[in-house]
Amino acid sequence: MFFEEKRKVTRTSVDIPISVKSESNTEQAWHVTALDISLNGIQVRSGQDIAIGSTIALQFPTQWKGLTLIANVVRQEGDCFGCQFVDVKPTEQEELDKAIHHWGGWE
């Protein structure tokens, strides 16, 4: 069976530990693993359920310039959650682009 990729931006497969805080509870963080990432969003694996429609803050490790990006959770497949970045500043977009290219082996 053939599936056509409908995304506008290419995803890069990664394996990155990220800290997450929910908008409803900014005091308590938990850890997830990023599975793939693009300039528009990210897919994470989480042992903790994340509600579709919720907003989360993703704190990347120092290798990713310590970026903190805000994302809306848009889908769930088992323990994997698809998230779309929101309100990304131009400087954050530039750092994200550099990090994706580095981790994707494009440099």
PDB file of N, CA and C in Angstrom:
ATOM      1  N   MET A   1       0.845  -1.172   0.000  1.00  0.00           N
ATOM      2  CA  MET A   1       0.000   0.000   0.000  1.00  0.00           C
ATOM      3  C   MET A   1       0.891   1.237   0.000  1.00  0.00           C
ATOM      4  N   PHE A   2       0.550   2.236  -0.793  1.00  0.00           N
ATOM      5  CA  PHE A   2       1.328   3.459  -0.936  1.00  0.00           C
ATOM      6  C   PHE A   2       0.596   4.606  -0.253  1.00  0.00           C
ATOM      7  N   PHE A   3       1.315   5.336   0.592  1.00  0.00           N
ATOM      8  CA  PHE A   3       0.756   6.507   1.247  1.00  0.00           C
ATOM      9  C   PHE A   3       1.469   7.736   0.720  1.00  0.00           C
ATOM     10  N   GLU A   4       0.716   8.705   0.287  1.00  0.00           N
ATOM     11  CA  GLU A   4       1.308   9.948  -0.207  1.00  0.00           C
ATOM     12  C   GLU A   4       1.570  10.880   0.968  1.00  0.00           C
ATOM     13  N   GLU A   5       2.795  11.386   1.042  1.00  0.00           N
ATOM     14  CA  GLU A   5       3.172  12.340   2.080  1.00  0.00           C
ATOM     15  C   GLU A   5       2.542  13.685   1.756  1.00  0.00           C
ATOM     16  N   LYS A   6       1.719  14.209   2.656  1.00  0.00           N
ATOM     17  CA  LYS A   6       1.022  15.469   2.410  1.00  0.00           C
ATOM     18  C   LYS A   6       1.637  16.634   3.170  1.00  0.00           C
ATOM     19  N   ARG A   7       2.713  16.393   3.868  1.00  0.00           N
ATOM     20  CA  ARG A   7       3.345  17.462   4.633  1.00  0.00           C
ATOM     21  C   ARG A   7       4.081  18.413   3.704  1.00  0.00           C
ATOM     22  N   LYS A   8       4.087  19.696   4.086  1.00  0.00           N
ATOM     23  CA  LYS A   8       4.764  20.715   3.293  1.00  0.00           C
ATOM     24  C   LYS A   8       6.252  20.781   3.625  1.00  0.00           C
ATOM     25  N   VAL A   9       6.626  20.318   4.812  1.00  0.00           N
ATOM     26  CA  VAL A   9       8.002  20.389   5.271  1.00  0.00           C
ATOM     27  C   VAL A   9       8.479  18.979   5.608  1.00  0.00           C
ATOM     28  N   THR A  10       9.681  18.645   5.176  1.00  0.00           N
ATOM     29  CA  THR A  10      10.244  17.322   5.417  1.00  0.00           C
ATOM     30  C   THR A  10      10.540  17.116   6.896  1.00  0.00           C
ATOM     31  N   ARG A  11      10.231  15.905   7.367  1.00  0.00           N
ATOM     32  CA  ARG A  11      10.538  15.547   8.744  1.00  0.00           C
ATOM     33  C   ARG A  11      11.900  14.866   8.805  1.00  0.00           C
ATOM     34  N   THR A  12      12.587  15.048   9.922  1.00  0.00           N
ATOM     35  CA  THR A  12      13.869  14.407  10.166  1.00  0.00           C
ATOM     36  C   THR A  12      13.710  13.463  11.350  1.00  0.00           C
ATOM     37  N   SER A  13      14.096  12.204  11.188  1.00  0.00           N
ATOM     38  CA  SER A  13      14.050  11.240  12.289  1.00  0.00           C
ATOM     39  C   SER A  13      15.125  11.590  13.305  1.00  0.00           C
ATOM     40  N   VAL A  14      14.749  11.579  14.567  1.00  0.00           N
ATOM     41  CA  VAL A  14      15.667  11.897  15.655  1.00  0.00           C
ATOM     42  C   VAL A  14      15.370  10.972  16.839  1.00  0.00           C
ATOM     43  N   ASP A  15      16.208  11.036  17.840  1.00  0.00           N
ATOM     44  CA  ASP A  15      16.000  10.336  19.107  1.00  0.00           C
ATOM     45  C   ASP A  15      16.541  11.266  20.179  1.00  0.00           C
ATOM     46  N   ILE A  16      15.692  12.215  20.608  1.00  0.00           N
ATOM     47  CA  ILE A  16      16.139  13.294  21.484  1.00  0.00           C
ATOM     48  C   ILE A  16      15.267  13.317  22.751  1.00  0.00           C
ATOM     49  N   PRO A  17      15.896  13.291  23.928  1.00  0.00           N
ATOM     50  CA  PRO A  17      15.118  13.456  25.162  1.00  0.00           C
ATOM     51  C   PRO A  17      14.729  14.925  25.336  1.00  0.00           C
ATOM     52  N   ILE A  18      13.472  15.145  25.652  1.00  0.00           N
ATOM     53  CA  ILE A  18      12.944  16.506  25.807  1.00  0.00           C
ATOM     54  C   ILE A  18      12.126  16.559  27.095  1.00  0.00           C
ATOM     55  N   SER A  19      12.207  17.678  27.788  1.00  0.00           N
ATOM     56  CA  SER A  19      11.347  17.917  28.951  1.00  0.00           C
ATOM     57  C   SER A  19      10.090  18.637  28.478  1.00  0.00           C
ATOM     58  N   VAL A  20       8.966  18.269  29.052  1.00  0.00           N
ATOM     59  CA  VAL A  20       7.672  18.838  28.655  1.00  0.00           C
ATOM     60  C   VAL A  20       6.931  19.361  29.872  1.00  0.00           C
ATOM     61  N   LYS A  21       6.295  20.504  29.686  1.00  0.00           N
ATOM     62  CA  LYS A  21       5.376  21.048  30.686  1.00  0.00           C
ATOM     63  C   LYS A  21       4.074  21.353  29.985  1.00  0.00           C
ATOM     64  N   SER A  22       2.975  21.041  30.647  1.00  0.00           N
ATOM     65  CA  SER A  22       1.669  21.359  30.062  1.00  0.00           C
ATOM     66  C   SER A  22       1.284  22.780  30.434  1.00  0.00           C
ATOM     67  N   GLU A  23       0.447  23.358  29.602  1.00  0.00           N
ATOM     68  CA  GLU A  23      -0.033  24.718  29.856  1.00  0.00           C
ATOM     69  C   GLU A  23      -0.830  24.773  31.162  1.00  0.00           C
ATOM     70  N   SER A  24      -1.516  23.683  31.479  1.00  0.00           N
ATOM     71  CA  SER A  24      -2.353  23.656  32.678  1.00  0.00           C
ATOM     72  C   SER A  24      -1.550  23.410  33.956  1.00  0.00           C
ATOM     73  N   ASN A  25      -0.307  22.870  33.833  1.00  0.00           N
ATOM     74  CA  ASN A  25       0.524  22.613  35.009  1.00  0.00           C
ATOM     75  C   ASN A  25       1.979  22.907  34.664  1.00  0.00           C
ATOM     76  N   THR A  26       2.359  24.176  34.751  1.00  0.00           N
ATOM     77  CA  THR A  26       3.707  24.581  34.360  1.00  0.00           C
ATOM     78  C   THR A  26       4.750  24.259  35.423  1.00  0.00           C
ATOM     79  N   GLU A  27       4.329  23.782  36.588  1.00  0.00           N
ATOM     80  CA  GLU A  27       5.273  23.453  37.659  1.00  0.00           C
ATOM     81  C   GLU A  27       5.880  22.065  37.488  1.00  0.00           C
ATOM     82  N   GLN A  28       5.135  21.150  36.922  1.00  0.00           N
ATOM     83  CA  GLN A  28       5.582  19.761  36.837  1.00  0.00           C
ATOM     84  C   GLN A  28       5.962  19.391  35.403  1.00  0.00           C
ATOM     85  N   ALA A  29       7.208  18.978  35.223  1.00  0.00           N
ATOM     86  CA  ALA A  29       7.690  18.564  33.904  1.00  0.00           C
ATOM     87  C   ALA A  29       7.826  17.040  33.878  1.00  0.00           C
ATOM     88  N   TRP A  30       7.770  16.479  32.688  1.00  0.00           N
ATOM     89  CA  TRP A  30       8.060  15.062  32.494  1.00  0.00           C
ATOM     90  C   TRP A  30       8.887  14.929  31.229  1.00  0.00           C
ATOM     91  N   HIS A  31       9.432  13.755  31.018  1.00  0.00           N
ATOM     92  CA  HIS A  31      10.325  13.548  29.881  1.00  0.00           C
ATOM     93  C   HIS A  31       9.635  12.752  28.783  1.00  0.00           C
ATOM     94  N   VAL A  32       9.911  13.148  27.545  1.00  0.00           N
ATOM     95  CA  VAL A  32       9.426  12.444  26.358  1.00  0.00           C
ATOM     96  C   VAL A  32      10.630  12.238  25.439  1.00  0.00           C
ATOM     97  N   THR A  33      10.429  11.462  24.395  1.00  0.00           N
ATOM     98  CA  THR A  33      11.455  11.270  23.388  1.00  0.00           C
ATOM     99  C   THR A  33      10.924  11.776  22.061  1.00  0.00           C
ATOM    100  N   ALA A  34      11.666  12.692  21.444  1.00  0.00           N
ATOM    101  CA  ALA A  34      11.299  13.169  20.110  1.00  0.00           C
ATOM    102  C   ALA A  34      11.673  12.090  19.104  1.00  0.00           C
ATOM    103  N   LEU A  35      10.738  11.751  18.218  1.00  0.00           N
ATOM    104  CA  LEU A  35      10.955  10.719  17.208  1.00  0.00           C
ATOM    105  C   LEU A  35      11.244  11.316  15.845  1.00  0.00           C
ATOM    106  N   ASP A  36      10.571  12.404  15.528  1.00  0.00           N
ATOM    107  CA  ASP A  36      10.857  13.140  14.296  1.00  0.00           C
ATOM    108  C   ASP A  36      10.460  14.591  14.495  1.00  0.00           C
ATOM    109  N   ILE A  37      11.070  15.435  13.664  1.00  0.00           N
ATOM    110  CA  ILE A  37      10.876  16.868  13.833  1.00  0.00           C
ATOM    111  C   ILE A  37      10.968  17.564  12.479  1.00  0.00           C
ATOM    112  N   SER A  38      10.245  18.659  12.348  1.00  0.00           N
ATOM    113  CA  SER A  38      10.327  19.517  11.171  1.00  0.00           C
ATOM    114  C   SER A  38      10.255  20.957  11.671  1.00  0.00           C
ATOM    115  N   LEU A  39      10.290  21.896  10.754  1.00  0.00           N
ATOM    116  CA  LEU A  39      10.157  23.296  11.158  1.00  0.00           C
ATOM    117  C   LEU A  39       8.750  23.612  11.649  1.00  0.00           C
ATOM    118  N   ASN A  40       7.784  22.747  11.333  1.00  0.00           N
ATOM    119  CA  ASN A  40       6.396  22.987  11.721  1.00  0.00           C
ATOM    120  C   ASN A  40       5.931  22.207  12.938  1.00  0.00           C
ATOM    121  N   GLY A  41       6.606  21.104  13.255  1.00  0.00           N
ATOM    122  CA  GLY A  41       6.111  20.298  14.353  1.00  0.00           C
ATOM    123  C   GLY A  41       7.033  19.163  14.733  1.00  0.00           C
ATOM    124  N   ILE A  42       6.528  18.323  15.634  1.00  0.00           N
ATOM    125  CA  ILE A  42       7.333  17.261  16.216  1.00  0.00           C
ATOM    126  C   ILE A  42       6.428  16.089  16.597  1.00  0.00           C
ATOM    127  N   GLN A  43       6.987  14.894  16.555  1.00  0.00           N
ATOM    128  CA  GLN A  43       6.291  13.720  17.070  1.00  0.00           C
ATOM    129  C   GLN A  43       7.082  13.222  18.270  1.00  0.00           C
ATOM    130  N   VAL A  44       6.401  13.036  19.387  1.00  0.00           N
ATOM    131  CA  VAL A  44       7.061  12.578  20.606  1.00  0.00           C
ATOM    132  C   VAL A  44       6.409  11.302  21.113  1.00  0.00           C
ATOM    133  N   ARG A  45       7.219  10.513  21.828  1.00  0.00           N
ATOM    134  CA  ARG A  45       6.710   9.333  22.537  1.00  0.00           C
ATOM    135  C   ARG A  45       6.700   9.681  24.018  1.00  0.00           C
ATOM    136  N   SER A  46       5.555   9.447  24.657  1.00  0.00           N
ATOM    137  CA  SER A  46       5.404   9.824  26.053  1.00  0.00           C
ATOM    138  C   SER A  46       4.777   8.688  26.848  1.00  0.00           C
ATOM    139  N   GLY A  47       5.335   8.419  28.017  1.00  0.00           N
ATOM    140  CA  GLY A  47       4.741   7.446  28.931  1.00  0.00           C
ATOM    141  C   GLY A  47       3.533   8.028  29.644  1.00  0.00           C
ATOM    142  N   GLN A  48       3.380   9.327  29.571  1.00  0.00           N
ATOM    143  CA  GLN A  48       2.253  10.030  30.182  1.00  0.00           C
ATOM    144  C   GLN A  48       1.312  10.479  29.075  1.00  0.00           C
ATOM    145  N   ASP A  49       0.034  10.311  29.278  1.00  0.00           N
ATOM    146  CA  ASP A  49      -0.949  10.718  28.274  1.00  0.00           C
ATOM    147  C   ASP A  49      -0.953  12.238  28.138  1.00  0.00           C
ATOM    148  N   ILE A  50      -1.088  12.699  26.901  1.00  0.00           N
ATOM    149  CA  ILE A  50      -1.179  14.133  26.621  1.00  0.00           C
ATOM    150  C   ILE A  50      -2.480  14.353  25.858  1.00  0.00           C
ATOM    151  N   ALA A  51      -3.319  15.215  26.354  1.00  0.00           N
ATOM    152  CA  ALA A  51      -4.632  15.421  25.749  1.00  0.00           C
ATOM    153  C   ALA A  51      -4.514  16.111  24.392  1.00  0.00           C
ATOM    154  N   ILE A  52      -5.218  15.565  23.404  1.00  0.00           N
ATOM    155  CA  ILE A  52      -5.294  16.221  22.102  1.00  0.00           C
ATOM    156  C   ILE A  52      -5.964  17.577  22.296  1.00  0.00           C
ATOM    157  N   GLY A  53      -5.396  18.598  21.681  1.00  0.00           N
ATOM    158  CA  GLY A  53      -5.902  19.962  21.838  1.00  0.00           C
ATOM    159  C   GLY A  53      -5.191  20.743  22.919  1.00  0.00           C
ATOM    160  N   SER A  54      -4.375  20.062  23.726  1.00  0.00           N
ATOM    161  CA  SER A  54      -3.661  20.781  24.781  1.00  0.00           C
ATOM    162  C   SER A  54      -2.433  21.486  24.212  1.00  0.00           C
ATOM    163  N   THR A  55      -1.941  22.453  24.959  1.00  0.00           N
ATOM    164  CA  THR A  55      -0.734  23.190  24.594  1.00  0.00           C
ATOM    165  C   THR A  55       0.364  22.797  25.565  1.00  0.00           C
ATOM    166  N   ILE A  56       1.555  22.500  25.006  1.00  0.00           N
ATOM    167  CA  ILE A  56       2.683  22.085  25.828  1.00  0.00           C
ATOM    168  C   ILE A  56       3.914  22.920  25.487  1.00  0.00           C
ATOM    169  N   ALA A  57       4.831  23.006  26.448  1.00  0.00           N
ATOM    170  CA  ALA A  57       6.126  23.650  26.238  1.00  0.00           C
ATOM    171  C   ALA A  57       7.168  22.542  26.161  1.00  0.00           C
ATOM    172  N   LEU A  58       7.955  22.551  25.091  1.00  0.00           N
ATOM    173  CA  LEU A  58       8.986  21.538  24.862  1.00  0.00           C
ATOM    174  C   LEU A  58      10.345  22.166  25.113  1.00  0.00           C
ATOM    175  N   GLN A  59      11.067  21.665  26.113  1.00  0.00           N
ATOM    176  CA  GLN A  59      12.401  22.174  26.447  1.00  0.00           C
ATOM    177  C   GLN A  59      13.444  21.226  25.872  1.00  0.00           C
ATOM    178  N   PHE A  60      14.153  21.687  24.832  1.00  0.00           N
ATOM    179  CA  PHE A  60      15.159  20.879  24.154  1.00  0.00           C
ATOM    180  C   PHE A  60      16.465  20.896  24.928  1.00  0.00           C
ATOM    181  N   PRO A  61      17.313  19.883  24.743  1.00  0.00           N
ATOM    182  CA  PRO A  61      18.609  19.839  25.432  1.00  0.00           C
ATOM    183  C   PRO A  61      19.555  20.910  24.892  1.00  0.00           C
ATOM    184  N   THR A  62      20.674  21.092  25.582  1.00  0.00           N
ATOM    185  CA  THR A  62      21.631  22.142  25.221  1.00  0.00           C
ATOM    186  C   THR A  62      22.190  21.960  23.815  1.00  0.00           C
ATOM    187  N   GLN A  63      22.287  20.717  23.320  1.00  0.00           N
ATOM    188  CA  GLN A  63      22.759  20.497  21.954  1.00  0.00           C
ATOM    189  C   GLN A  63      21.828  21.164  20.947  1.00  0.00           C
ATOM    190  N   TRP A  64      20.606  21.411  21.339  1.00  0.00           N
ATOM    191  CA  TRP A  64      19.622  22.093  20.493  1.00  0.00           C
ATOM    192  C   TRP A  64      19.453  23.528  20.957  1.00  0.00           C
ATOM    193  N   LYS A  65      20.536  24.113  21.460  1.00  0.00           N
ATOM    194  CA  LYS A  65      20.567  25.500  21.919  1.00  0.00           C
ATOM    195  C   LYS A  65      19.608  25.760  23.080  1.00  0.00           C
ATOM    196  N   GLY A  66      19.156  24.698  23.760  1.00  0.00           N
ATOM    197  CA  GLY A  66      18.251  24.870  24.885  1.00  0.00           C
ATOM    198  C   GLY A  66      16.930  25.507  24.505  1.00  0.00           C
ATOM    199  N   LEU A  67      16.529  25.330  23.253  1.00  0.00           N
ATOM    200  CA  LEU A  67      15.271  25.916  22.780  1.00  0.00           C
ATOM    201  C   LEU A  67      14.080  25.472  23.624  1.00  0.00           C
ATOM    202  N   THR A  68      13.167  26.372  23.841  1.00  0.00           N
ATOM    203  CA  THR A  68      11.859  26.025  24.405  1.00  0.00           C
ATOM    204  C   THR A  68      10.835  26.465  23.384  1.00  0.00           C
ATOM    205  N   LEU A  69      10.075  25.507  22.864  1.00  0.00           N
ATOM    206  CA  LEU A  69       9.059  25.808  21.864  1.00  0.00           C
ATOM    207  C   LEU A  69       7.687  25.396  22.375  1.00  0.00           C
ATOM    208  N   ILE A  70       6.698  26.163  22.001  1.00  0.00           N
ATOM    209  CA  ILE A  70       5.309  25.884  22.372  1.00  0.00           C
ATOM    210  C   ILE A  70       4.660  25.126  21.220  1.00  0.00           C
ATOM    211  N   ALA A  71       3.856  24.112  21.563  1.00  0.00           N
ATOM    212  CA  ALA A  71       3.206  23.304  20.530  1.00  0.00           C
ATOM    213  C   ALA A  71       1.809  22.897  20.980  1.00  0.00           C
ATOM    214  N   ASN A  72       0.940  22.741  19.999  1.00  0.00           N
ATOM    215  CA  ASN A  72      -0.384  22.184  20.231  1.00  0.00           C
ATOM    216  C   ASN A  72      -0.352  20.704  19.871  1.00  0.00           C
ATOM    217  N   VAL A  73      -0.955  19.879  20.710  1.00  0.00           N
ATOM    218  CA  VAL A  73      -1.032  18.449  20.446  1.00  0.00           C
ATOM    219  C   VAL A  73      -2.209  18.233  19.494  1.00  0.00           C
ATOM    220  N   VAL A  74      -1.918  17.674  18.300  1.00  0.00           N
ATOM    221  CA  VAL A  74      -2.951  17.568  17.273  1.00  0.00           C
ATOM    222  C   VAL A  74      -3.392  16.134  16.973  1.00  0.00           C
ATOM    223  N   ARG A  75      -2.584  15.141  17.380  1.00  0.00           N
ATOM    224  CA  ARG A  75      -3.003  13.757  17.137  1.00  0.00           C
ATOM    225  C   ARG A  75      -2.292  12.811  18.084  1.00  0.00           C
ATOM    226  N   GLN A  76      -2.870  11.622  18.215  1.00  0.00           N
ATOM    227  CA  GLN A  76      -2.284  10.583  19.049  1.00  0.00           C
ATOM    228  C   GLN A  76      -2.406   9.248  18.344  1.00  0.00           C
ATOM    229  N   GLU A  77      -1.325   8.467  18.392  1.00  0.00           N
ATOM    230  CA  GLU A  77      -1.316   7.096  17.912  1.00  0.00           C
ATOM    231  C   GLU A  77      -0.597   6.277  18.969  1.00  0.00           C
ATOM    232  N   GLY A  78      -1.339   5.602  19.822  1.00  0.00           N
ATOM    233  CA  GLY A  78      -0.734   4.863  20.929  1.00  0.00           C
ATOM    234  C   GLY A  78      -0.060   5.817  21.890  1.00  0.00           C
ATOM    235  N   ASP A  79       1.248   5.584  22.130  1.00  0.00           N
ATOM    236  CA  ASP A  79       1.980   6.462  23.039  1.00  0.00           C
ATOM    237  C   ASP A  79       2.756   7.560  22.299  1.00  0.00           C
ATOM    238  N   CYS A  80       2.421   7.776  21.022  1.00  0.00           N
ATOM    239  CA  CYS A  80       3.050   8.821  20.210  1.00  0.00           C
ATOM    240  C   CYS A  80       2.068   9.958  19.963  1.00  0.00           C
ATOM    241  N   PHE A  81       2.592  11.181  20.047  1.00  0.00           N
ATOM    242  CA  PHE A  81       1.760  12.367  19.935  1.00  0.00           C
ATOM    243  C   PHE A  81       2.351  13.313  18.899  1.00  0.00           C
ATOM    244  N   GLY A  82       1.524  13.731  17.973  1.00  0.00           N
ATOM    245  CA  GLY A  82       1.924  14.702  16.960  1.00  0.00           C
ATOM    246  C   GLY A  82       1.595  16.092  17.449  1.00  0.00           C
ATOM    247  N   CYS A  83       2.584  16.979  17.358  1.00  0.00           N
ATOM    248  CA  CYS A  83       2.432  18.331  17.871  1.00  0.00           C
ATOM    249  C   CYS A  83       2.816  19.344  16.797  1.00  0.00           C
ATOM    250  N   GLN A  84       2.095  20.440  16.768  1.00  0.00           N
ATOM    251  CA  GLN A  84       2.366  21.507  15.811  1.00  0.00           C
ATOM    252  C   GLN A  84       2.875  22.719  16.580  1.00  0.00           C
ATOM    253  N   PHE A  85       4.048  23.242  16.159  1.00  0.00           N
ATOM    254  CA  PHE A  85       4.616  24.404  16.824  1.00  0.00           C
ATOM    255  C   PHE A  85       3.742  25.629  16.598  1.00  0.00           C
ATOM    256  N   VAL A  86       3.676  26.498  17.613  1.00  0.00           N
ATOM    257  CA  VAL A  86       2.917  27.747  17.515  1.00  0.00           C
ATOM    258  C   VAL A  86       3.784  28.904  17.999  1.00  0.00           C
ATOM    259  N   ASP A  87       3.557  30.070  17.427  1.00  0.00           N
ATOM    260  CA  ASP A  87       4.215  31.309  17.852  1.00  0.00           C
ATOM    261  C   ASP A  87       5.739  31.189  17.904  1.00  0.00           C
ATOM    262  N   VAL A  88       6.336  30.571  16.887  1.00  0.00           N
ATOM    263  CA  VAL A  88       7.790  30.432  16.838  1.00  0.00           C
ATOM    264  C   VAL A  88       8.397  31.750  16.352  1.00  0.00           C
ATOM    265  N   LYS A  89       9.280  32.300  17.162  1.00  0.00           N
ATOM    266  CA  LYS A  89       9.956  33.558  16.803  1.00  0.00           C
ATOM    267  C   LYS A  89      10.977  33.287  15.692  1.00  0.00           C
ATOM    268  N   PRO A  90      11.294  34.294  14.892  1.00  0.00           N
ATOM    269  CA  PRO A  90      12.271  34.101  13.811  1.00  0.00           C
ATOM    270  C   PRO A  90      13.622  33.569  14.292  1.00  0.00           C
ATOM    271  N   THR A  91      14.098  34.037  15.446  1.00  0.00           N
ATOM    272  CA  THR A  91      15.382  33.539  15.966  1.00  0.00           C
ATOM    273  C   THR A  91      15.269  32.070  16.366  1.00  0.00           C
ATOM    274  N   GLU A  92      14.134  31.681  16.937  1.00  0.00           N
ATOM    275  CA  GLU A  92      13.915  30.276  17.296  1.00  0.00           C
ATOM    276  C   GLU A  92      13.815  29.421  16.037  1.00  0.00           C
ATOM    277  N   GLN A  93      13.144  29.935  15.016  1.00  0.00           N
ATOM    278  CA  GLN A  93      13.007  29.221  13.744  1.00  0.00           C
ATOM    279  C   GLN A  93      14.386  28.960  13.133  1.00  0.00           C
ATOM    280  N   GLU A  94      15.257  29.967  13.201  1.00  0.00           N
ATOM    281  CA  GLU A  94      16.609  29.829  12.651  1.00  0.00           C
ATOM    282  C   GLU A  94      17.411  28.777  13.421  1.00  0.00           C
ATOM    283  N   GLU A  95      17.347  28.817  14.755  1.00  0.00           N
ATOM    284  CA  GLU A  95      18.073  27.833  15.571  1.00  0.00           C
ATOM    285  C   GLU A  95      17.513  26.429  15.349  1.00  0.00           C
ATOM    286  N   LEU A  96      16.205  26.315  15.235  1.00  0.00           N
ATOM    287  CA  LEU A  96      15.578  25.024  14.969  1.00  0.00           C
ATOM    288  C   LEU A  96      16.028  24.474  13.624  1.00  0.00           C
ATOM    289  N   ASP A  97      16.063  25.326  12.622  1.00  0.00           N
ATOM    290  CA  ASP A  97      16.502  24.914  11.292  1.00  0.00           C
ATOM    291  C   ASP A  97      17.943  24.404  11.334  1.00  0.00           C
ATOM    292  N   LYS A  98      18.820  25.130  12.011  1.00  0.00           N
ATOM    293  CA  LYS A  98      20.220  24.709  12.133  1.00  0.00           C
ATOM    294  C   LYS A  98      20.327  23.358  12.840  1.00  0.00           C
ATOM    295  N   ALA A  99      19.585  23.204  13.926  1.00  0.00           N
ATOM    296  CA  ALA A  99      19.643  21.957  14.695  1.00  0.00           C
ATOM    297  C   ALA A  99      19.111  20.780  13.882  1.00  0.00           C
ATOM    298  N   ILE A 100      18.029  20.987  13.153  1.00  0.00           N
ATOM    299  CA  ILE A 100      17.465  19.916  12.321  1.00  0.00           C
ATOM    300  C   ILE A 100      18.470  19.490  11.258  1.00  0.00           C
ATOM    301  N   HIS A 101      19.096  20.445  10.620  1.00  0.00           N
ATOM    302  CA  HIS A 101      20.088  20.123   9.594  1.00  0.00           C
ATOM    303  C   HIS A 101      21.276  19.376  10.204  1.00  0.00           C
ATOM    304  N   HIS A 102      21.707  19.799  11.378  1.00  0.00           N
ATOM    305  CA  HIS A 102      22.824  19.128  12.040  1.00  0.00           C
ATOM    306  C   HIS A 102      22.467  17.687  12.401  1.00  0.00           C
ATOM    307  N   TRP A 103      21.333  17.496  13.081  1.00  0.00           N
ATOM    308  CA  TRP A 103      20.927  16.161  13.530  1.00  0.00           C
ATOM    309  C   TRP A 103      20.497  15.281  12.369  1.00  0.00           C
ATOM    310  N   GLY A 104      20.087  15.893  11.266  1.00  0.00           N
ATOM    311  CA  GLY A 104      19.720  15.114  10.100  1.00  0.00           C
ATOM    312  C   GLY A 104      20.913  14.742   9.246  1.00  0.00           C
ATOM    313  N   GLY A 105      22.101  15.187   9.654  1.00  0.00           N
ATOM    314  CA  GLY A 105      23.321  14.857   8.924  1.00  0.00           C
ATOM    315  C   GLY A 105      23.476  15.625   7.625  1.00  0.00           C
ATOM    316  N   TRP A 106      22.864  16.809   7.540  1.00  0.00           N
ATOM    317  CA  TRP A 106      22.896  17.579   6.296  1.00  0.00           C
ATOM    318  C   TRP A 106      24.048  18.560   6.236  1.00  0.00           C
ATOM    319  N   GLU A 107      24.841  18.648   7.314  1.00  0.00           N
ATOM    320  CA  GLU A 107      25.964  19.598   7.319  1.00  0.00           C
ATOM    321  C   GLU A 107      27.213  18.912   6.818  1.00  0.00           C
TER     322      GLU A 107
END
